[in-house]
Amino acid sequence: MKFLVRYLTALAVASTAVFNFAFAADTPSPPVATDSARSMQWVRAEIRKIDAENSKVTLRHEALTQLSMGAMTMVFRVDDVALLKRFVVGDRVKFIPDSRAGQLFVTVMEKDD
């Protein structure tokens, strides 16, 4: 009888482990937080302010799904101020956002048709 109880207990433990493994395999894992959340997803926006002196641009943008942010108006940094010289306030653009060390950057920006 002890043998049967041990066998059934071991079987229950093993089947629970198999079920948990199978469930975990079908469940998508949450995104891993990294210091740099790079993406190639284009986002549409309107330029509200250009601060070339401080390498910043204020954009009213649609949702940044890759960064888990809703649509809003916010300031982005740019690595190369020459990027900003091609645009004026009011331009409709598309851009690729990047988050580095807690700061938001525009990596690429083009006029949107």
N, C-alpha and C. Protein backbone atom coordinates (compact mmCIF):
# COMPACT_ATOMS: atom_id res chain seq x y z
N MET A 1 0.80 -1.18 0.00
CA MET A 1 0.00 0.00 0.00
C MET A 1 0.87 1.27 0.00
N LYS A 2 1.95 1.28 0.81
CA LYS A 2 2.85 2.43 0.84
C LYS A 2 3.43 2.67 -0.56
N PHE A 3 3.76 1.59 -1.23
CA PHE A 3 4.30 1.71 -2.58
C PHE A 3 3.31 2.42 -3.50
N LEU A 4 2.06 2.07 -3.43
CA LEU A 4 1.03 2.66 -4.27
C LEU A 4 0.86 4.16 -3.96
N VAL A 5 0.89 4.52 -2.68
CA VAL A 5 0.77 5.93 -2.28
C VAL A 5 1.97 6.72 -2.82
N ARG A 6 3.18 6.20 -2.66
CA ARG A 6 4.38 6.88 -3.17
C ARG A 6 4.32 7.01 -4.69
N TYR A 7 3.89 5.95 -5.35
CA TYR A 7 3.81 5.95 -6.81
C TYR A 7 2.81 7.02 -7.29
N LEU A 8 1.64 7.07 -6.68
CA LEU A 8 0.64 8.04 -7.07
C LEU A 8 1.09 9.48 -6.75
N THR A 9 1.78 9.65 -5.64
CA THR A 9 2.30 10.98 -5.29
C THR A 9 3.34 11.43 -6.32
N ALA A 10 4.26 10.51 -6.67
CA ALA A 10 5.28 10.83 -7.67
C ALA A 10 4.64 11.13 -9.02
N LEU A 11 3.62 10.38 -9.38
CA LEU A 11 2.92 10.60 -10.63
C LEU A 11 2.24 11.96 -10.64
N ALA A 12 1.63 12.35 -9.54
CA ALA A 12 0.96 13.65 -9.44
C ALA A 12 1.97 14.79 -9.58
N VAL A 13 3.11 14.65 -8.91
CA VAL A 13 4.16 15.68 -8.99
C VAL A 13 4.68 15.79 -10.42
N ALA A 14 4.95 14.66 -11.05
CA ALA A 14 5.47 14.66 -12.41
C ALA A 14 4.47 15.26 -13.39
N SER A 15 3.19 14.92 -13.27
CA SER A 15 2.19 15.45 -14.20
C SER A 15 2.02 16.96 -14.00
N THR A 16 2.14 17.43 -12.76
CA THR A 16 2.05 18.88 -12.50
C THR A 16 3.22 19.60 -13.16
N ALA A 17 4.41 19.02 -13.06
CA ALA A 17 5.59 19.63 -13.68
C ALA A 17 5.44 19.67 -15.19
N VAL A 18 4.93 18.61 -15.79
CA VAL A 18 4.73 18.57 -17.24
C VAL A 18 3.68 19.59 -17.65
N PHE A 19 2.59 19.69 -16.92
CA PHE A 19 1.55 20.67 -17.22
C PHE A 19 2.09 22.09 -17.14
N ASN A 20 2.84 22.40 -16.09
CA ASN A 20 3.41 23.74 -15.93
C ASN A 20 4.37 24.07 -17.07
N PHE A 21 5.18 23.11 -17.48
CA PHE A 21 6.12 23.31 -18.58
C PHE A 21 5.35 23.57 -19.87
N ALA A 22 4.33 22.76 -20.14
CA ALA A 22 3.54 22.94 -21.37
C ALA A 22 2.83 24.27 -21.37
N PHE A 23 2.29 24.69 -20.24
CA PHE A 23 1.61 25.99 -20.15
C PHE A 23 2.59 27.12 -20.36
N ALA A 24 3.76 27.01 -19.76
CA ALA A 24 4.77 28.06 -19.89
C ALA A 24 5.25 28.18 -21.33
N ALA A 25 5.33 27.06 -22.04
CA ALA A 25 5.79 27.09 -23.42
C ALA A 25 4.79 27.82 -24.32
N ASP A 26 3.49 27.76 -23.99
CA ASP A 26 2.46 28.40 -24.80
C ASP A 26 2.22 29.86 -24.41
N THR A 27 2.73 30.28 -23.28
CA THR A 27 2.52 31.64 -22.80
C THR A 27 3.68 32.51 -23.24
N PRO A 28 3.39 33.61 -23.96
CA PRO A 28 4.50 34.48 -24.36
C PRO A 28 5.13 35.14 -23.15
N SER A 29 6.42 35.21 -23.15
CA SER A 29 7.11 35.83 -22.03
C SER A 29 7.06 37.34 -22.18
N PRO A 30 7.03 38.06 -21.07
CA PRO A 30 6.99 39.52 -21.16
C PRO A 30 8.30 40.05 -21.73
N PRO A 31 8.27 41.21 -22.35
CA PRO A 31 9.50 41.76 -22.90
C PRO A 31 10.51 42.03 -21.79
N VAL A 32 11.75 41.82 -22.10
CA VAL A 32 12.83 42.04 -21.13
C VAL A 32 13.21 43.50 -21.17
N ALA A 33 13.26 44.12 -20.01
CA ALA A 33 13.65 45.53 -19.95
C ALA A 33 15.14 45.64 -20.18
N THR A 34 15.50 46.48 -21.13
CA THR A 34 16.91 46.71 -21.40
C THR A 34 17.16 48.20 -21.33
N ASP A 35 18.42 48.56 -21.30
CA ASP A 35 18.78 49.96 -21.25
C ASP A 35 18.45 50.64 -22.58
N SER A 36 18.52 49.89 -23.65
CA SER A 36 18.24 50.46 -24.95
C SER A 36 17.11 49.69 -25.60
N ALA A 37 15.99 50.34 -25.79
CA ALA A 37 14.83 49.69 -26.39
C ALA A 37 14.76 50.11 -27.85
N ARG A 38 15.62 49.55 -28.67
CA ARG A 38 15.68 49.91 -30.08
C ARG A 38 14.57 49.23 -30.86
N SER A 39 14.10 49.92 -31.87
CA SER A 39 13.04 49.38 -32.70
C SER A 39 13.13 50.01 -34.08
N MET A 40 12.58 49.32 -35.05
CA MET A 40 12.53 49.87 -36.39
C MET A 40 11.12 50.28 -36.74
N GLN A 41 10.27 50.51 -35.75
CA GLN A 41 8.89 50.90 -36.00
C GLN A 41 8.79 52.41 -36.19
N TRP A 42 8.26 52.81 -37.34
CA TRP A 42 8.08 54.23 -37.62
C TRP A 42 6.88 54.76 -36.85
N VAL A 43 6.98 55.98 -36.37
CA VAL A 43 5.92 56.64 -35.62
C VAL A 43 5.65 57.98 -36.28
N ARG A 44 4.38 58.29 -36.48
CA ARG A 44 4.01 59.58 -37.08
C ARG A 44 3.92 60.65 -35.99
N ALA A 45 4.29 61.88 -36.38
CA ALA A 45 4.29 62.98 -35.41
C ALA A 45 4.20 64.32 -36.13
N GLU A 46 4.02 65.36 -35.33
CA GLU A 46 4.07 66.74 -35.82
C GLU A 46 5.10 67.48 -34.98
N ILE A 47 5.97 68.23 -35.64
CA ILE A 47 6.99 68.99 -34.91
C ILE A 47 6.34 70.20 -34.27
N ARG A 48 6.51 70.33 -32.95
CA ARG A 48 5.95 71.45 -32.20
C ARG A 48 7.00 72.50 -31.85
N LYS A 49 8.25 72.05 -31.67
CA LYS A 49 9.33 72.98 -31.30
C LYS A 49 10.66 72.35 -31.71
N ILE A 50 11.58 73.19 -32.18
CA ILE A 50 12.93 72.73 -32.51
C ILE A 50 13.90 73.55 -31.66
N ASP A 51 14.72 72.85 -30.89
CA ASP A 51 15.74 73.48 -30.04
C ASP A 51 17.10 72.96 -30.49
N ALA A 52 17.58 73.50 -31.62
CA ALA A 52 18.84 73.02 -32.20
C ALA A 52 20.02 73.27 -31.27
N GLU A 53 19.97 74.35 -30.51
CA GLU A 53 21.07 74.68 -29.60
C GLU A 53 21.30 73.58 -28.57
N ASN A 54 20.23 72.91 -28.14
CA ASN A 54 20.33 71.84 -27.14
C ASN A 54 20.08 70.45 -27.72
N SER A 55 20.05 70.35 -29.06
CA SER A 55 19.85 69.08 -29.77
C SER A 55 18.57 68.38 -29.32
N LYS A 56 17.46 69.16 -29.31
CA LYS A 56 16.17 68.62 -28.88
C LYS A 56 15.08 69.01 -29.86
N VAL A 57 14.07 68.17 -29.93
CA VAL A 57 12.89 68.45 -30.73
C VAL A 57 11.66 68.01 -29.95
N THR A 58 10.62 68.85 -29.97
CA THR A 58 9.36 68.51 -29.30
C THR A 58 8.41 68.00 -30.37
N LEU A 59 7.89 66.80 -30.14
CA LEU A 59 7.00 66.16 -31.10
C LEU A 59 5.66 65.81 -30.45
N ARG A 60 4.58 66.06 -31.19
CA ARG A 60 3.27 65.53 -30.80
C ARG A 60 3.12 64.25 -31.62
N HIS A 61 3.23 63.11 -30.94
CA HIS A 61 3.34 61.83 -31.64
C HIS A 61 2.21 60.89 -31.31
N GLU A 62 2.05 59.89 -32.18
CA GLU A 62 1.09 58.82 -31.91
C GLU A 62 1.71 57.87 -30.89
N ALA A 63 1.00 56.84 -30.51
CA ALA A 63 1.48 55.90 -29.48
C ALA A 63 2.82 55.27 -29.87
N LEU A 64 3.71 55.19 -28.89
CA LEU A 64 5.00 54.51 -29.07
C LEU A 64 4.85 53.11 -28.47
N THR A 65 4.26 52.22 -29.24
CA THR A 65 3.95 50.89 -28.71
C THR A 65 5.20 50.13 -28.29
N GLN A 66 6.30 50.31 -29.01
CA GLN A 66 7.53 49.60 -28.66
C GLN A 66 8.14 50.08 -27.35
N LEU A 67 7.74 51.27 -26.90
CA LEU A 67 8.22 51.81 -25.62
C LEU A 67 7.10 51.87 -24.59
N SER A 68 5.96 51.28 -24.91
CA SER A 68 4.79 51.24 -24.02
C SER A 68 4.36 52.63 -23.57
N MET A 69 4.26 53.56 -24.53
CA MET A 69 3.83 54.93 -24.24
C MET A 69 2.66 55.28 -25.14
N GLY A 70 1.72 56.02 -24.60
CA GLY A 70 0.59 56.48 -25.38
C GLY A 70 0.95 57.69 -26.22
N ALA A 71 -0.02 58.14 -27.00
CA ALA A 71 0.16 59.34 -27.80
C ALA A 71 0.24 60.55 -26.88
N MET A 72 1.17 61.47 -27.17
CA MET A 72 1.34 62.67 -26.35
C MET A 72 2.32 63.61 -27.02
N THR A 73 2.59 64.72 -26.39
CA THR A 73 3.60 65.65 -26.85
C THR A 73 4.77 65.59 -25.87
N MET A 74 5.97 65.38 -26.41
CA MET A 74 7.14 65.28 -25.54
C MET A 74 8.42 65.66 -26.26
N VAL A 75 9.47 65.86 -25.49
CA VAL A 75 10.77 66.28 -26.00
C VAL A 75 11.64 65.05 -26.24
N PHE A 76 12.30 65.04 -27.38
CA PHE A 76 13.26 64.00 -27.74
C PHE A 76 14.61 64.64 -28.00
N ARG A 77 15.66 63.91 -27.72
CA ARG A 77 17.01 64.35 -28.05
C ARG A 77 17.37 63.81 -29.43
N VAL A 78 18.33 64.45 -30.08
CA VAL A 78 18.88 63.94 -31.33
C VAL A 78 20.39 63.85 -31.19
N ASP A 79 20.98 62.83 -31.82
CA ASP A 79 22.43 62.67 -31.76
C ASP A 79 23.15 63.70 -32.63
N ASP A 80 22.55 64.02 -33.77
CA ASP A 80 23.18 64.94 -34.72
C ASP A 80 22.23 66.09 -34.98
N VAL A 81 22.61 67.29 -34.58
CA VAL A 81 21.76 68.47 -34.72
C VAL A 81 21.47 68.77 -36.19
N ALA A 82 22.30 68.28 -37.11
CA ALA A 82 22.08 68.51 -38.54
C ALA A 82 20.74 67.91 -38.98
N LEU A 83 20.28 66.88 -38.30
CA LEU A 83 18.98 66.27 -38.60
C LEU A 83 17.87 67.31 -38.48
N LEU A 84 17.95 68.17 -37.49
CA LEU A 84 16.89 69.14 -37.23
C LEU A 84 16.84 70.26 -38.26
N LYS A 85 17.93 70.52 -38.96
CA LYS A 85 17.99 71.63 -39.91
C LYS A 85 17.14 71.39 -41.15
N ARG A 86 16.68 70.16 -41.35
CA ARG A 86 15.85 69.84 -42.52
C ARG A 86 14.37 70.08 -42.28
N PHE A 87 14.00 70.47 -41.05
CA PHE A 87 12.59 70.57 -40.69
C PHE A 87 12.26 71.93 -40.09
N VAL A 88 10.96 72.25 -40.10
CA VAL A 88 10.46 73.47 -39.46
C VAL A 88 9.27 73.08 -38.58
N VAL A 89 8.96 73.95 -37.64
CA VAL A 89 7.81 73.71 -36.76
C VAL A 89 6.56 73.57 -37.62
N GLY A 90 5.76 72.56 -37.32
CA GLY A 90 4.53 72.29 -38.06
C GLY A 90 4.67 71.16 -39.07
N ASP A 91 5.91 70.77 -39.40
CA ASP A 91 6.11 69.66 -40.34
C ASP A 91 5.53 68.38 -39.77
N ARG A 92 4.88 67.62 -40.63
CA ARG A 92 4.44 66.27 -40.26
C ARG A 92 5.56 65.33 -40.64
N VAL A 93 5.97 64.51 -39.68
CA VAL A 93 7.12 63.64 -39.88
C VAL A 93 6.80 62.22 -39.44
N LYS A 94 7.70 61.32 -39.78
CA LYS A 94 7.71 59.98 -39.20
C LYS A 94 9.11 59.77 -38.67
N PHE A 95 9.21 59.08 -37.54
CA PHE A 95 10.52 58.92 -36.91
C PHE A 95 10.61 57.57 -36.23
N ILE A 96 11.84 57.20 -35.90
CA ILE A 96 12.09 55.97 -35.15
C ILE A 96 12.62 56.39 -33.78
N PRO A 97 11.85 56.10 -32.72
CA PRO A 97 12.28 56.48 -31.37
C PRO A 97 13.25 55.46 -30.78
N ASP A 98 14.01 55.93 -29.81
CA ASP A 98 14.96 55.07 -29.11
C ASP A 98 15.04 55.55 -27.68
N SER A 99 15.17 54.61 -26.75
CA SER A 99 15.32 54.95 -25.34
C SER A 99 16.68 54.49 -24.89
N ARG A 100 17.49 55.45 -24.42
CA ARG A 100 18.83 55.13 -23.95
C ARG A 100 19.08 55.80 -22.60
N ALA A 101 19.45 55.00 -21.63
CA ALA A 101 19.76 55.51 -20.29
C ALA A 101 18.65 56.40 -19.75
N GLY A 102 17.41 56.00 -20.03
CA GLY A 102 16.27 56.74 -19.52
C GLY A 102 15.92 57.99 -20.30
N GLN A 103 16.59 58.24 -21.42
CA GLN A 103 16.32 59.42 -22.24
C GLN A 103 15.79 58.96 -23.59
N LEU A 104 14.87 59.73 -24.15
CA LEU A 104 14.29 59.40 -25.45
C LEU A 104 15.03 60.14 -26.56
N PHE A 105 15.31 59.42 -27.63
CA PHE A 105 16.03 59.96 -28.78
C PHE A 105 15.25 59.71 -30.06
N VAL A 106 15.47 60.57 -31.04
CA VAL A 106 15.01 60.34 -32.40
C VAL A 106 16.23 59.83 -33.15
N THR A 107 16.15 58.61 -33.67
CA THR A 107 17.30 58.06 -34.40
C THR A 107 17.26 58.41 -35.87
N VAL A 108 16.06 58.40 -36.45
CA VAL A 108 15.85 58.72 -37.86
C VAL A 108 14.55 59.50 -37.95
N MET A 109 14.51 60.54 -38.82
CA MET A 109 13.28 61.30 -38.99
C MET A 109 13.18 61.73 -40.45
N GLU A 110 11.98 61.57 -41.01
CA GLU A 110 11.73 61.96 -42.39
C GLU A 110 10.39 62.69 -42.46
N LYS A 111 10.21 63.50 -43.51
CA LYS A 111 8.92 64.14 -43.72
C LYS A 111 7.91 63.06 -44.08
N ASP A 112 6.70 63.20 -43.55
CA ASP A 112 5.63 62.25 -43.80
C ASP A 112 4.69 62.84 -44.84
N ASP A 113 4.38 62.08 -45.86
CA ASP A 113 3.49 62.56 -46.92
C ASP A 113 2.06 62.56 -46.53
